[in-house]
């Protein structure tokens, strides 16, 4: 039986504050994430283990991602990471980025004007493609110029990359953008 495409709205807003320095954008939350009303909540998604490995202060055992949206939100904000998605609404089949059609973009300008975001990262090829097509022209039109780097997807669908490979790829991208050198917990 073939799964049908459905029109979905994002359903929850961005995570950010006036101290956010990095903006990480996915494409559209998975059904599990939409149900939990938070980012990367599929239990096999490796996004939070990657952030834990890169940003947690090993000298502070309480500096952990945790399993709940509240602890993950606090972790992201503590490390000056903003989270959102490129898409506000679209037609999609399940969690398949390849099936995304009729995408409407989120407006990033309020975050980029309200926080000292130094760099934008997209998680996966589809979010990068949609960012370039739907968001970058709007930012340019608004006079906002900011670098964007495409990261590999942490989705379980990206089975070709193991967790250590993802950690290495994210570390290298963050270092190249000069956002990992200055460990945020030391500020």
Protein backbone atom coordinates (compact mmCIF):
# COMPACT_ATOMS: atom_id res chain seq x y z
CA UNK A 1 0.00 0.00 0.00
CA UNK A 2 1.47 3.34 -1.08
CA UNK A 3 1.65 6.14 1.46
CA UNK A 4 -0.05 9.30 0.29
CA UNK A 5 1.37 12.77 0.39
CA UNK A 6 -0.24 15.12 2.89
CA UNK A 7 -0.13 18.87 3.37
CA UNK A 8 1.60 19.69 6.66
CA UNK A 9 2.23 22.90 8.56
CA UNK A 10 5.42 23.19 10.60
CA UNK A 11 3.41 23.49 13.81
CA UNK A 12 5.96 25.02 16.20
CA UNK A 13 8.32 27.95 16.16
CA UNK A 14 12.05 28.43 16.20
CA UNK A 15 14.41 28.06 19.16
CA UNK A 16 16.58 31.14 19.55
CA UNK A 17 17.36 34.10 21.76
CA UNK A 18 19.38 37.30 21.55
CA UNK A 19 22.60 35.35 22.26
CA UNK A 20 22.24 32.79 19.44
CA UNK A 21 25.32 32.70 17.21
CA UNK A 22 24.61 29.71 14.96
CA UNK A 23 21.38 28.87 13.13
CA UNK A 24 20.82 25.23 12.19
CA UNK A 25 18.02 24.60 9.70
CA UNK A 26 16.38 21.33 8.79
CA UNK A 27 13.85 20.91 6.02
CA UNK A 28 10.53 19.95 7.69
CA UNK A 29 10.10 18.13 11.01
CA UNK A 30 9.40 14.40 10.80
CA UNK A 31 6.01 13.09 11.97
CA UNK A 32 7.61 12.15 15.33
CA UNK A 33 9.07 15.63 15.73
CA UNK A 34 5.78 17.28 14.79
CA UNK A 35 3.99 15.10 17.33
CA UNK A 36 6.52 16.10 20.04
CA UNK A 37 6.49 19.72 18.78
CA UNK A 38 10.28 19.85 18.81
CA UNK A 39 13.28 19.32 16.58
CA UNK A 40 14.94 16.00 15.76
CA UNK A 41 12.82 13.89 18.11
CA UNK A 42 12.91 10.62 16.15
CA UNK A 43 14.77 8.27 18.52
CA UNK A 44 17.18 7.14 15.79
CA UNK A 45 18.01 10.64 14.55
CA UNK A 46 21.63 11.41 15.48
CA UNK A 47 21.32 15.20 15.64
CA UNK A 48 21.31 15.47 19.44
CA UNK A 49 24.14 12.95 19.96
CA UNK A 50 26.23 14.97 17.48
CA UNK A 51 25.57 18.25 19.33
CA UNK A 52 26.28 16.55 22.66
CA UNK A 53 29.64 15.32 21.35
CA UNK A 54 30.62 18.73 19.97
CA UNK A 55 29.30 21.22 22.48
CA UNK A 56 28.81 19.58 25.89
CA UNK A 57 31.26 20.69 28.53
CA UNK A 58 32.91 17.44 29.63
CA UNK A 59 33.83 19.06 32.97
CA UNK A 60 30.13 19.63 33.73
CA UNK A 61 28.06 16.43 33.93
CA UNK A 62 24.86 18.49 33.96
CA UNK A 63 25.64 19.94 30.51
CA UNK A 64 23.72 17.24 28.65
CA UNK A 65 21.18 17.14 25.84
CA UNK A 66 18.68 14.92 27.65
CA UNK A 67 15.63 13.29 26.06
CA UNK A 68 12.93 15.90 26.56
CA UNK A 69 12.22 18.95 24.40
CA UNK A 70 12.79 21.24 27.41
CA UNK A 71 16.30 19.89 28.12
CA UNK A 72 17.21 19.97 24.44
CA UNK A 73 15.95 23.54 24.08
CA UNK A 74 18.01 24.58 27.12
CA UNK A 75 21.11 22.82 25.75
CA UNK A 76 20.81 24.57 22.37
CA UNK A 77 20.30 27.99 23.94
CA UNK A 78 23.09 27.46 26.50
CA UNK A 79 25.45 26.85 23.58
CA UNK A 80 24.08 29.77 21.53
CA UNK A 81 22.51 27.51 18.89
CA UNK A 82 19.28 28.53 17.16
CA UNK A 83 17.10 25.88 15.52
CA UNK A 84 14.43 26.13 12.89
CA UNK A 85 13.49 24.71 9.53
CA UNK A 86 13.56 26.08 6.01
CA UNK A 87 9.92 25.14 5.37
CA UNK A 88 6.80 26.55 7.02
CA UNK A 89 4.48 24.19 5.13
CA UNK A 90 4.62 21.65 2.31
CA UNK A 91 3.16 18.51 0.84
CA UNK A 92 5.18 15.52 2.05
CA UNK A 93 4.95 11.75 2.32
CA UNK A 94 5.89 10.68 5.85
CA UNK A 95 9.35 12.04 6.62
CA UNK A 96 10.72 11.74 3.07
CA UNK A 97 12.56 14.91 2.05
CA UNK A 98 12.57 13.60 -1.52
CA UNK A 99 8.77 13.79 -1.57
CA UNK A 100 8.55 17.48 -0.55
CA UNK A 101 6.41 19.55 -2.91
CA UNK A 102 4.77 22.99 -2.73
CA UNK A 103 7.15 24.21 -0.04
CA UNK A 104 6.50 27.59 1.58
CA UNK A 105 9.53 29.06 3.40
CA UNK A 106 9.88 30.35 6.93
CA UNK A 107 10.95 33.99 7.36
CA UNK A 108 14.44 33.97 8.90
CA UNK A 109 14.86 37.75 8.93
CA UNK A 110 13.55 38.26 12.51
CA UNK A 111 16.12 35.80 13.91
CA UNK A 112 18.96 37.17 11.79
CA UNK A 113 18.14 40.73 12.87
CA UNK A 114 17.52 39.82 16.52
CA UNK A 115 20.56 37.66 17.25
CA UNK A 116 24.27 37.83 16.35
CA UNK A 117 24.07 34.78 14.04
CA UNK A 118 27.53 34.26 12.56
CA UNK A 119 26.67 31.34 10.27
CA UNK A 120 23.78 29.22 9.02
CA UNK A 121 23.99 25.44 8.65
CA UNK A 122 21.50 23.21 6.89
CA UNK A 123 21.09 19.56 7.80
CA UNK A 124 20.96 17.61 4.57
CA UNK A 125 20.81 18.16 0.85
CA UNK A 126 17.10 19.00 0.63
CA UNK A 127 17.23 21.70 3.30
CA UNK A 128 20.27 23.24 1.55
CA UNK A 129 18.55 23.11 -1.84
CA UNK A 130 15.36 24.69 -0.47
CA UNK A 131 17.38 27.30 1.46
CA UNK A 132 19.15 28.38 -1.74
CA UNK A 133 15.91 28.44 -3.73
CA UNK A 134 13.40 29.87 -1.22
CA UNK A 135 15.29 31.76 1.49
CA UNK A 136 18.60 33.05 0.18
CA UNK A 137 16.96 35.31 -2.46
CA UNK A 138 14.66 36.83 0.19
CA UNK A 139 17.61 37.49 2.51
CA UNK A 140 19.59 39.09 -0.32
CA UNK A 141 16.58 41.27 -1.15
CA UNK A 142 16.38 42.28 2.54
CA UNK A 143 20.08 43.20 2.55
CA UNK A 144 21.07 40.28 4.79
CA UNK A 145 24.27 38.49 3.78
CA UNK A 146 25.29 35.47 5.84
CA UNK A 147 27.20 32.32 5.00
CA UNK A 148 25.51 28.93 4.77
CA UNK A 149 27.11 25.50 4.97
CA UNK A 150 25.37 22.25 4.09
CA UNK A 151 25.87 19.52 6.69
CA UNK A 152 25.09 15.84 6.21
CA UNK A 153 21.67 14.67 7.33
CA UNK A 154 21.50 13.09 10.78
CA UNK A 155 18.33 11.22 9.80
CA UNK A 156 18.30 7.43 10.11
CA UNK A 157 17.64 7.47 6.33
CA UNK A 158 21.28 8.59 5.92
CA UNK A 159 22.57 5.13 6.82
CA UNK A 160 25.81 5.64 4.91
CA UNK A 161 27.17 7.81 7.74
CA UNK A 162 27.79 6.38 11.17
CA UNK A 163 27.66 8.59 14.27
CA UNK A 164 31.48 9.10 14.44
CA UNK A 165 31.45 10.16 10.76
CA UNK A 166 28.69 12.68 11.42
CA UNK A 167 30.52 14.08 14.45
CA UNK A 168 33.68 14.51 12.37
CA UNK A 169 31.80 16.17 9.49
CA UNK A 170 29.97 18.57 11.80
CA UNK A 171 33.13 19.37 13.76
CA UNK A 172 35.02 20.19 10.56
CA UNK A 173 32.18 22.38 9.23
CA UNK A 174 31.82 24.26 12.52
CA UNK A 175 35.59 24.77 12.77
CA UNK A 176 35.77 26.01 9.17
CA UNK A 177 32.99 28.52 9.97
CA UNK A 178 34.91 29.45 13.14
CA UNK A 179 32.01 28.62 15.47
CA UNK A 180 33.53 25.70 17.36
CA UNK A 181 36.93 27.18 18.26
CA UNK A 182 35.39 29.50 20.82
CA UNK A 183 33.73 26.94 23.05
CA UNK A 184 30.54 28.70 24.11
CA UNK A 185 30.44 27.31 27.63
CA UNK A 186 33.70 29.15 28.40
CA UNK A 187 32.15 32.57 27.70
